[in-house]
Amino acid sequence: MGESGDQPNSNSDQVVEREGTYDHELYGEVEVTGIWKGVEEVDTTRNSNEKDVYIVRYSADEDGEQVDELTDTLDEFIESIE
């Protein structure tokens, strides 16, 4: 296992996957198009207490038109889909 700073938060086991679809409280069904930690793209991540910030990029349809390049921190995204 990794260092303690890289361990998932014991309070949540929510996994977010690239190309996964989720029910977002503001946008309805969204698709994750990217997950970034620093400048590196990753395929999955968990709600965690690392010191590094994960960014989730996702797309949605709003009023029948696709909205591109929406982004949240991982914590913000998870709060929006729980």
PDB file of N, CA and C in Angstrom:
ATOM      1  N   MET A   1       0.838  -1.186   0.000  1.00  0.00           N
ATOM      2  CA  MET A   1       0.000   0.000   0.000  1.00  0.00           C
ATOM      3  C   MET A   1       0.877   1.242   0.000  1.00  0.00           C
ATOM      4  N   GLY A   2       0.269   2.367  -0.378  1.00  0.00           N
ATOM      5  CA  GLY A   2       0.997   3.623  -0.451  1.00  0.00           C
ATOM      6  C   GLY A   2       1.178   4.255   0.905  1.00  0.00           C
ATOM      7  N   GLU A   3       1.729   5.444   0.879  1.00  0.00           N
ATOM      8  CA  GLU A   3       1.924   6.184   2.112  1.00  0.00           C
ATOM      9  C   GLU A   3       0.572   6.575   2.691  1.00  0.00           C
ATOM     10  N   SER A   4       0.542   6.916   3.986  1.00  0.00           N
ATOM     11  CA  SER A   4      -0.720   7.229   4.650  1.00  0.00           C
ATOM     12  C   SER A   4      -1.441   8.394   3.989  1.00  0.00           C
ATOM     13  N   GLY A   5      -0.739   9.330   3.363  1.00  0.00           N
ATOM     14  CA  GLY A   5      -1.359  10.450   2.677  1.00  0.00           C
ATOM     15  C   GLY A   5      -2.080  10.038   1.406  1.00  0.00           C
ATOM     16  N   ASP A   6      -1.832   8.815   0.931  1.00  0.00           N
ATOM     17  CA  ASP A   6      -2.456   8.336  -0.292  1.00  0.00           C
ATOM     18  C   ASP A   6      -3.604   7.376  -0.036  1.00  0.00           C
ATOM     19  N   GLN A   7      -3.969   7.144   1.201  1.00  0.00           N
ATOM     20  CA  GLN A   7      -5.016   6.186   1.519  1.00  0.00           C
ATOM     21  C   GLN A   7      -6.393   6.814   1.401  1.00  0.00           C
ATOM     22  N   PRO A   8      -7.387   6.023   0.969  1.00  0.00           N
ATOM     23  CA  PRO A   8      -8.756   6.540   0.902  1.00  0.00           C
ATOM     24  C   PRO A   8      -9.269   6.944   2.268  1.00  0.00           C
ATOM     25  N   ASN A   9     -10.162   7.903   2.284  1.00  0.00           N
ATOM     26  CA  ASN A   9     -10.801   8.345   3.510  1.00  0.00           C
ATOM     27  C   ASN A   9     -11.660   7.212   4.035  1.00  0.00           C
ATOM     28  N   SER A  10     -11.528   6.875   5.300  1.00  0.00           N
ATOM     29  CA  SER A  10     -12.288   5.774   5.868  1.00  0.00           C
ATOM     30  C   SER A  10     -13.778   6.085   5.948  1.00  0.00           C
ATOM     31  N   ASN A  11     -14.174   7.349   5.813  1.00  0.00           N
ATOM     32  CA  ASN A  11     -15.581   7.728   5.893  1.00  0.00           C
ATOM     33  C   ASN A  11     -16.331   7.509   4.584  1.00  0.00           C
ATOM     34  N   SER A  12     -15.630   7.238   3.483  1.00  0.00           N
ATOM     35  CA  SER A  12     -16.301   7.072   2.201  1.00  0.00           C
ATOM     36  C   SER A  12     -15.539   6.102   1.329  1.00  0.00           C
ATOM     37  N   ASP A  13     -16.280   5.269   0.602  1.00  0.00           N
ATOM     38  CA  ASP A  13     -15.632   4.380  -0.346  1.00  0.00           C
ATOM     39  C   ASP A  13     -16.117   4.670  -1.756  1.00  0.00           C
ATOM     40  N   GLN A  14     -16.623   5.883  -1.978  1.00  0.00           N
ATOM     41  CA  GLN A  14     -17.122   6.294  -3.291  1.00  0.00           C
ATOM     42  C   GLN A  14     -15.981   6.304  -4.298  1.00  0.00           C
ATOM     43  N   VAL A  15     -16.140   5.586  -5.414  1.00  0.00           N
ATOM     44  CA  VAL A  15     -15.158   5.548  -6.482  1.00  0.00           C
ATOM     45  C   VAL A  15     -15.725   6.315  -7.670  1.00  0.00           C
ATOM     46  N   VAL A  16     -14.905   7.160  -8.267  1.00  0.00           N
ATOM     47  CA  VAL A  16     -15.276   7.887  -9.469  1.00  0.00           C
ATOM     48  C   VAL A  16     -14.381   7.376 -10.587  1.00  0.00           C
ATOM     49  N   GLU A  17     -14.979   6.968 -11.705  1.00  0.00           N
ATOM     50  CA  GLU A  17     -14.229   6.405 -12.811  1.00  0.00           C
ATOM     51  C   GLU A  17     -14.351   7.262 -14.059  1.00  0.00           C
ATOM     52  N   ARG A  18     -13.247   7.367 -14.792  1.00  0.00           N
ATOM     53  CA  ARG A  18     -13.279   8.056 -16.076  1.00  0.00           C
ATOM     54  C   ARG A  18     -14.206   7.281 -16.998  1.00  0.00           C
ATOM     55  N   GLU A  19     -15.030   7.987 -17.739  1.00  0.00           N
ATOM     56  CA  GLU A  19     -16.054   7.461 -18.637  1.00  0.00           C
ATOM     57  C   GLU A  19     -17.251   6.866 -17.895  1.00  0.00           C
ATOM     58  N   GLY A  20     -17.282   7.004 -16.554  1.00  0.00           N
ATOM     59  CA  GLY A  20     -18.441   6.578 -15.784  1.00  0.00           C
ATOM     60  C   GLY A  20     -19.540   7.626 -15.857  1.00  0.00           C
ATOM     61  N   THR A  21     -20.788   7.194 -15.665  1.00  0.00           N
ATOM     62  CA  THR A  21     -21.906   8.140 -15.632  1.00  0.00           C
ATOM     63  C   THR A  21     -22.461   8.191 -14.215  1.00  0.00           C
ATOM     64  N   TYR A  22     -22.877   9.383 -13.806  1.00  0.00           N
ATOM     65  CA  TYR A  22     -23.336   9.623 -12.440  1.00  0.00           C
ATOM     66  C   TYR A  22     -24.520  10.576 -12.477  1.00  0.00           C
ATOM     67  N   ASP A  23     -25.377  10.505 -11.468  1.00  0.00           N
ATOM     68  CA  ASP A  23     -26.526  11.389 -11.346  1.00  0.00           C
ATOM     69  C   ASP A  23     -26.108  12.604 -10.525  1.00  0.00           C
ATOM     70  N   HIS A  24     -25.880  13.720 -11.196  1.00  0.00           N
ATOM     71  CA  HIS A  24     -25.410  14.965 -10.575  1.00  0.00           C
ATOM     72  C   HIS A  24     -26.617  15.774 -10.129  1.00  0.00           C
ATOM     73  N   GLU A  25     -26.561  16.359  -8.937  1.00  0.00           N
ATOM     74  CA  GLU A  25     -27.731  17.075  -8.407  1.00  0.00           C
ATOM     75  C   GLU A  25     -28.115  18.302  -9.226  1.00  0.00           C
ATOM     76  N   LEU A  26     -27.182  18.940  -9.929  1.00  0.00           N
ATOM     77  CA  LEU A  26     -27.509  20.118 -10.742  1.00  0.00           C
ATOM     78  C   LEU A  26     -27.742  19.789 -12.208  1.00  0.00           C
ATOM     79  N   TYR A  27     -27.001  18.841 -12.761  1.00  0.00           N
ATOM     80  CA  TYR A  27     -27.011  18.598 -14.196  1.00  0.00           C
ATOM     81  C   TYR A  27     -27.671  17.286 -14.610  1.00  0.00           C
ATOM     82  N   GLY A  28     -28.167  16.504 -13.662  1.00  0.00           N
ATOM     83  CA  GLY A  28     -28.738  15.210 -14.010  1.00  0.00           C
ATOM     84  C   GLY A  28     -27.628  14.225 -14.332  1.00  0.00           C
ATOM     85  N   GLU A  29     -27.828  13.415 -15.363  1.00  0.00           N
ATOM     86  CA  GLU A  29     -26.813  12.420 -15.721  1.00  0.00           C
ATOM     87  C   GLU A  29     -25.614  13.106 -16.367  1.00  0.00           C
ATOM     88  N   VAL A  30     -24.431  12.842 -15.819  1.00  0.00           N
ATOM     89  CA  VAL A  30     -23.191  13.392 -16.361  1.00  0.00           C
ATOM     90  C   VAL A  30     -22.232  12.241 -16.634  1.00  0.00           C
ATOM     91  N   GLU A  31     -21.293  12.473 -17.550  1.00  0.00           N
ATOM     92  CA  GLU A  31     -20.250  11.499 -17.845  1.00  0.00           C
ATOM     93  C   GLU A  31     -18.896  12.103 -17.507  1.00  0.00           C
ATOM     94  N   VAL A  32     -18.107  11.384 -16.725  1.00  0.00           N
ATOM     95  CA  VAL A  32     -16.768  11.840 -16.370  1.00  0.00           C
ATOM     96  C   VAL A  32     -15.875  11.652 -17.584  1.00  0.00           C
ATOM     97  N   THR A  33     -15.257  12.739 -18.040  1.00  0.00           N
ATOM     98  CA  THR A  33     -14.387  12.690 -19.209  1.00  0.00           C
ATOM     99  C   THR A  33     -12.915  12.738 -18.845  1.00  0.00           C
ATOM    100  N   GLY A  34     -12.605  13.066 -17.592  1.00  0.00           N
ATOM    101  CA  GLY A  34     -11.220  13.089 -17.156  1.00  0.00           C
ATOM    102  C   GLY A  34     -11.112  13.250 -15.660  1.00  0.00           C
ATOM    103  N   ILE A  35     -10.048  12.686 -15.108  1.00  0.00           N
ATOM    104  CA  ILE A  35      -9.731  12.839 -13.685  1.00  0.00           C
ATOM    105  C   ILE A  35      -8.254  13.199 -13.632  1.00  0.00           C
ATOM    106  N   TRP A  36      -7.949  14.294 -12.969  1.00  0.00           N
ATOM    107  CA  TRP A  36      -6.579  14.797 -12.974  1.00  0.00           C
ATOM    108  C   TRP A  36      -6.052  14.976 -11.561  1.00  0.00           C
ATOM    109  N   LYS A  37      -4.809  14.594 -11.358  1.00  0.00           N
ATOM    110  CA  LYS A  37      -4.087  14.851 -10.114  1.00  0.00           C
ATOM    111  C   LYS A  37      -2.820  15.574 -10.541  1.00  0.00           C
ATOM    112  N   GLY A  38      -2.744  16.845 -10.203  1.00  0.00           N
ATOM    113  CA  GLY A  38      -1.631  17.634 -10.717  1.00  0.00           C
ATOM    114  C   GLY A  38      -1.754  17.719 -12.219  1.00  0.00           C
ATOM    115  N   VAL A  39      -0.738  17.276 -12.945  1.00  0.00           N
ATOM    116  CA  VAL A  39      -0.790  17.294 -14.401  1.00  0.00           C
ATOM    117  C   VAL A  39      -0.969  15.899 -14.984  1.00  0.00           C
ATOM    118  N   GLU A  40      -1.184  14.893 -14.145  1.00  0.00           N
ATOM    119  CA  GLU A  40      -1.335  13.526 -14.623  1.00  0.00           C
ATOM    120  C   GLU A  40      -2.794  13.115 -14.648  1.00  0.00           C
ATOM    121  N   GLU A  41      -3.211  12.491 -15.766  1.00  0.00           N
ATOM    122  CA  GLU A  41      -4.574  11.974 -15.870  1.00  0.00           C
ATOM    123  C   GLU A  41      -4.604  10.586 -15.241  1.00  0.00           C
ATOM    124  N   VAL A  42      -5.673  10.289 -14.504  1.00  0.00           N
ATOM    125  CA  VAL A  42      -5.827   8.979 -13.879  1.00  0.00           C
ATOM    126  C   VAL A  42      -7.158   8.382 -14.311  1.00  0.00           C
ATOM    127  N   ASP A  43      -7.305   7.050 -14.160  1.00  0.00           N
ATOM    128  CA  ASP A  43      -8.518   6.369 -14.600  1.00  0.00           C
ATOM    129  C   ASP A  43      -9.586   6.288 -13.524  1.00  0.00           C
ATOM    130  N   THR A  44      -9.209   6.144 -12.271  1.00  0.00           N
ATOM    131  CA  THR A  44     -10.174   6.083 -11.171  1.00  0.00           C
ATOM    132  C   THR A  44      -9.586   6.780  -9.962  1.00  0.00           C
ATOM    133  N   THR A  45     -10.463   7.168  -9.063  1.00  0.00           N
ATOM    134  CA  THR A  45     -10.003   7.736  -7.804  1.00  0.00           C
ATOM    135  C   THR A  45     -11.089   7.570  -6.765  1.00  0.00           C
ATOM    136  N   ARG A  46     -10.716   7.674  -5.514  1.00  0.00           N
ATOM    137  CA  ARG A  46     -11.650   7.576  -4.397  1.00  0.00           C
ATOM    138  C   ARG A  46     -11.670   8.893  -3.644  1.00  0.00           C
ATOM    139  N   ASN A  47     -12.784   9.118  -2.929  1.00  0.00           N
ATOM    140  CA  ASN A  47     -12.839  10.255  -2.019  1.00  0.00           C
ATOM    141  C   ASN A  47     -11.712  10.043  -1.017  1.00  0.00           C
ATOM    142  N   SER A  48     -10.822  10.973  -0.900  1.00  0.00           N
ATOM    143  CA  SER A  48      -9.652  10.743  -0.063  1.00  0.00           C
ATOM    144  C   SER A  48      -9.209  12.015   0.629  1.00  0.00           C
ATOM    145  N   ASN A  49      -8.313  11.845   1.554  1.00  0.00           N
ATOM    146  CA  ASN A  49      -7.814  12.988   2.316  1.00  0.00           C
ATOM    147  C   ASN A  49      -6.374  13.301   1.947  1.00  0.00           C
ATOM    148  N   GLU A  50      -5.968  12.980   0.708  1.00  0.00           N
ATOM    149  CA  GLU A  50      -4.621  13.302   0.293  1.00  0.00           C
ATOM    150  C   GLU A  50      -4.402  14.806   0.309  1.00  0.00           C
ATOM    151  N   LYS A  51      -3.153  15.173   0.369  1.00  0.00           N
ATOM    152  CA  LYS A  51      -2.833  16.590   0.322  1.00  0.00           C
ATOM    153  C   LYS A  51      -2.946  17.136  -1.100  1.00  0.00           C
ATOM    154  N   ASP A  52      -2.863  16.249  -2.122  1.00  0.00           N
ATOM    155  CA  ASP A  52      -2.997  16.681  -3.506  1.00  0.00           C
ATOM    156  C   ASP A  52      -4.469  16.756  -3.883  1.00  0.00           C
ATOM    157  N   VAL A  53      -4.803  17.689  -4.767  1.00  0.00           N
ATOM    158  CA  VAL A  53      -6.182  17.890  -5.178  1.00  0.00           C
ATOM    159  C   VAL A  53      -6.438  17.143  -6.480  1.00  0.00           C
ATOM    160  N   TYR A  54      -7.532  16.386  -6.516  1.00  0.00           N
ATOM    161  CA  TYR A  54      -7.983  15.737  -7.738  1.00  0.00           C
ATOM    162  C   TYR A  54      -9.037  16.626  -8.388  1.00  0.00           C
ATOM    163  N   ILE A  55      -8.977  16.744  -9.704  1.00  0.00           N
ATOM    164  CA  ILE A  55      -9.948  17.509 -10.469  1.00  0.00           C
ATOM    165  C   ILE A  55     -10.722  16.538 -11.349  1.00  0.00           C
ATOM    166  N   VAL A  56     -12.050  16.647 -11.326  1.00  0.00           N
ATOM    167  CA  VAL A  56     -12.916  15.806 -12.149  1.00  0.00           C
ATOM    168  C   VAL A  56     -13.509  16.686 -13.248  1.00  0.00           C
ATOM    169  N   ARG A  57     -13.321  16.270 -14.500  1.00  0.00           N
ATOM    170  CA  ARG A  57     -13.914  16.973 -15.643  1.00  0.00           C
ATOM    171  C   ARG A  57     -15.063  16.111 -16.144  1.00  0.00           C
ATOM    172  N   TYR A  58     -16.212  16.738 -16.422  1.00  0.00           N
ATOM    173  CA  TYR A  58     -17.371  15.963 -16.843  1.00  0.00           C
ATOM    174  C   TYR A  58     -18.227  16.762 -17.807  1.00  0.00           C
ATOM    175  N   SER A  59     -19.078  16.047 -18.552  1.00  0.00           N
ATOM    176  CA  SER A  59     -19.987  16.696 -19.496  1.00  0.00           C
ATOM    177  C   SER A  59     -21.417  16.344 -19.126  1.00  0.00           C
ATOM    178  N   ALA A  60     -22.338  17.199 -19.546  1.00  0.00           N
ATOM    179  CA  ALA A  60     -23.755  17.014 -19.229  1.00  0.00           C
ATOM    180  C   ALA A  60     -24.599  17.633 -20.326  1.00  0.00           C
ATOM    181  N   ASP A  61     -25.869  17.279 -20.334  1.00  0.00           N
ATOM    182  CA  ASP A  61     -26.844  17.934 -21.209  1.00  0.00           C
ATOM    183  C   ASP A  61     -27.666  18.877 -20.351  1.00  0.00           C
ATOM    184  N   GLU A  62     -27.780  20.118 -20.787  1.00  0.00           N
ATOM    185  CA  GLU A  62     -28.582  21.101 -20.064  1.00  0.00           C
ATOM    186  C   GLU A  62     -29.551  21.726 -21.055  1.00  0.00           C
ATOM    187  N   ASP A  63     -30.836  21.567 -20.795  1.00  0.00           N
ATOM    188  CA  ASP A  63     -31.877  22.072 -21.700  1.00  0.00           C
ATOM    189  C   ASP A  63     -31.694  21.527 -23.112  1.00  0.00           C
ATOM    190  N   GLY A  64     -31.317  20.243 -23.211  1.00  0.00           N
ATOM    191  CA  GLY A  64     -31.162  19.594 -24.508  1.00  0.00           C
ATOM    192  C   GLY A  64     -29.871  19.892 -25.235  1.00  0.00           C
ATOM    193  N   GLU A  65     -29.015  20.709 -24.667  1.00  0.00           N
ATOM    194  CA  GLU A  65     -27.739  21.050 -25.293  1.00  0.00           C
ATOM    195  C   GLU A  65     -26.604  20.559 -24.403  1.00  0.00           C
ATOM    196  N   GLN A  66     -25.574  19.982 -25.040  1.00  0.00           N
ATOM    197  CA  GLN A  66     -24.453  19.458 -24.268  1.00  0.00           C
ATOM    198  C   GLN A  66     -23.607  20.592 -23.712  1.00  0.00           C
ATOM    199  N   VAL A  67     -23.321  20.493 -22.419  1.00  0.00           N
ATOM    200  CA  VAL A  67     -22.447  21.438 -21.730  1.00  0.00           C
ATOM    201  C   VAL A  67     -21.106  20.741 -21.586  1.00  0.00           C
ATOM    202  N   ASP A  68     -20.046  21.331 -22.101  1.00  0.00           N
ATOM    203  CA  ASP A  68     -18.726  20.702 -22.060  1.00  0.00           C
ATOM    204  C   ASP A  68     -17.842  21.326 -20.991  1.00  0.00           C
ATOM    205  N   GLU A  69     -16.845  20.538 -20.597  1.00  0.00           N
ATOM    206  CA  GLU A  69     -15.765  21.032 -19.758  1.00  0.00           C
ATOM    207  C   GLU A  69     -16.197  21.570 -18.402  1.00  0.00           C
ATOM    208  N   LEU A  70     -17.155  20.926 -17.781  1.00  0.00           N
ATOM    209  CA  LEU A  70     -17.484  21.256 -16.399  1.00  0.00           C
ATOM    210  C   LEU A  70     -16.419  20.625 -15.522  1.00  0.00           C
ATOM    211  N   THR A  71     -15.997  21.312 -14.473  1.00  0.00           N
ATOM    212  CA  THR A  71     -14.985  20.750 -13.578  1.00  0.00           C
ATOM    213  C   THR A  71     -15.344  21.029 -12.128  1.00  0.00           C
ATOM    214  N   ASP A  72     -14.972  20.106 -11.276  1.00  0.00           N
ATOM    215  CA  ASP A  72     -15.088  20.243  -9.825  1.00  0.00           C
ATOM    216  C   ASP A  72     -13.887  19.561  -9.201  1.00  0.00           C
ATOM    217  N   THR A  73     -13.616  19.899  -7.963  1.00  0.00           N
ATOM    218  CA  THR A  73     -12.667  19.073  -7.229  1.00  0.00           C
ATOM    219  C   THR A  73     -13.356  17.744  -6.982  1.00  0.00           C
ATOM    220  N   LEU A  74     -12.600  16.727  -6.684  1.00  0.00           N
ATOM    221  CA  LEU A  74     -13.181  15.405  -6.418  1.00  0.00           C
ATOM    222  C   LEU A  74     -14.196  15.483  -5.298  1.00  0.00           C
ATOM    223  N   ASP A  75     -13.865  16.167  -4.205  1.00  0.00           N
ATOM    224  CA  ASP A  75     -14.783  16.276  -3.074  1.00  0.00           C
ATOM    225  C   ASP A  75     -16.086  16.965  -3.473  1.00  0.00           C
ATOM    226  N   GLU A  76     -16.002  18.043  -4.257  1.00  0.00           N
ATOM    227  CA  GLU A  76     -17.209  18.749  -4.718  1.00  0.00           C
ATOM    228  C   GLU A  76     -18.062  17.836  -5.609  1.00  0.00           C
ATOM    229  N   PHE A  77     -17.388  17.104  -6.495  1.00  0.00           N
ATOM    230  CA  PHE A  77     -18.114  16.209  -7.397  1.00  0.00           C
ATOM    231  C   PHE A  77     -18.837  15.118  -6.607  1.00  0.00           C
ATOM    232  N   ILE A  78     -18.152  14.503  -5.662  1.00  0.00           N
ATOM    233  CA  ILE A  78     -18.753  13.429  -4.877  1.00  0.00           C
ATOM    234  C   ILE A  78     -19.939  13.957  -4.078  1.00  0.00           C
ATOM    235  N   GLU A  79     -19.825  15.155  -3.507  1.00  0.00           N
ATOM    236  CA  GLU A  79     -20.952  15.747  -2.777  1.00  0.00           C
ATOM    237  C   GLU A  79     -22.153  15.957  -3.705  1.00  0.00           C
ATOM    238  N   SER A  80     -21.905  16.257  -4.974  1.00  0.00           N
ATOM    239  CA  SER A  80     -22.973  16.518  -5.933  1.00  0.00           C
ATOM    240  C   SER A  80     -23.649  15.253  -6.431  1.00  0.00           C
ATOM    241  N   ILE A  81     -23.004  14.102  -6.282  1.00  0.00           N
ATOM    242  CA  ILE A  81     -23.595  12.871  -6.788  1.00  0.00           C
ATOM    243  C   ILE A  81     -24.103  11.963  -5.672  1.00  0.00           C
ATOM    244  N   GLU A  82     -23.887  12.329  -4.423  1.00  0.00           N
ATOM    245  CA  GLU A  82     -24.350  11.490  -3.309  1.00  0.00           C
ATOM    246  C   GLU A  82     -25.795  11.759  -2.980  1.00  0.00           C
TER     247      GLU A  82
END
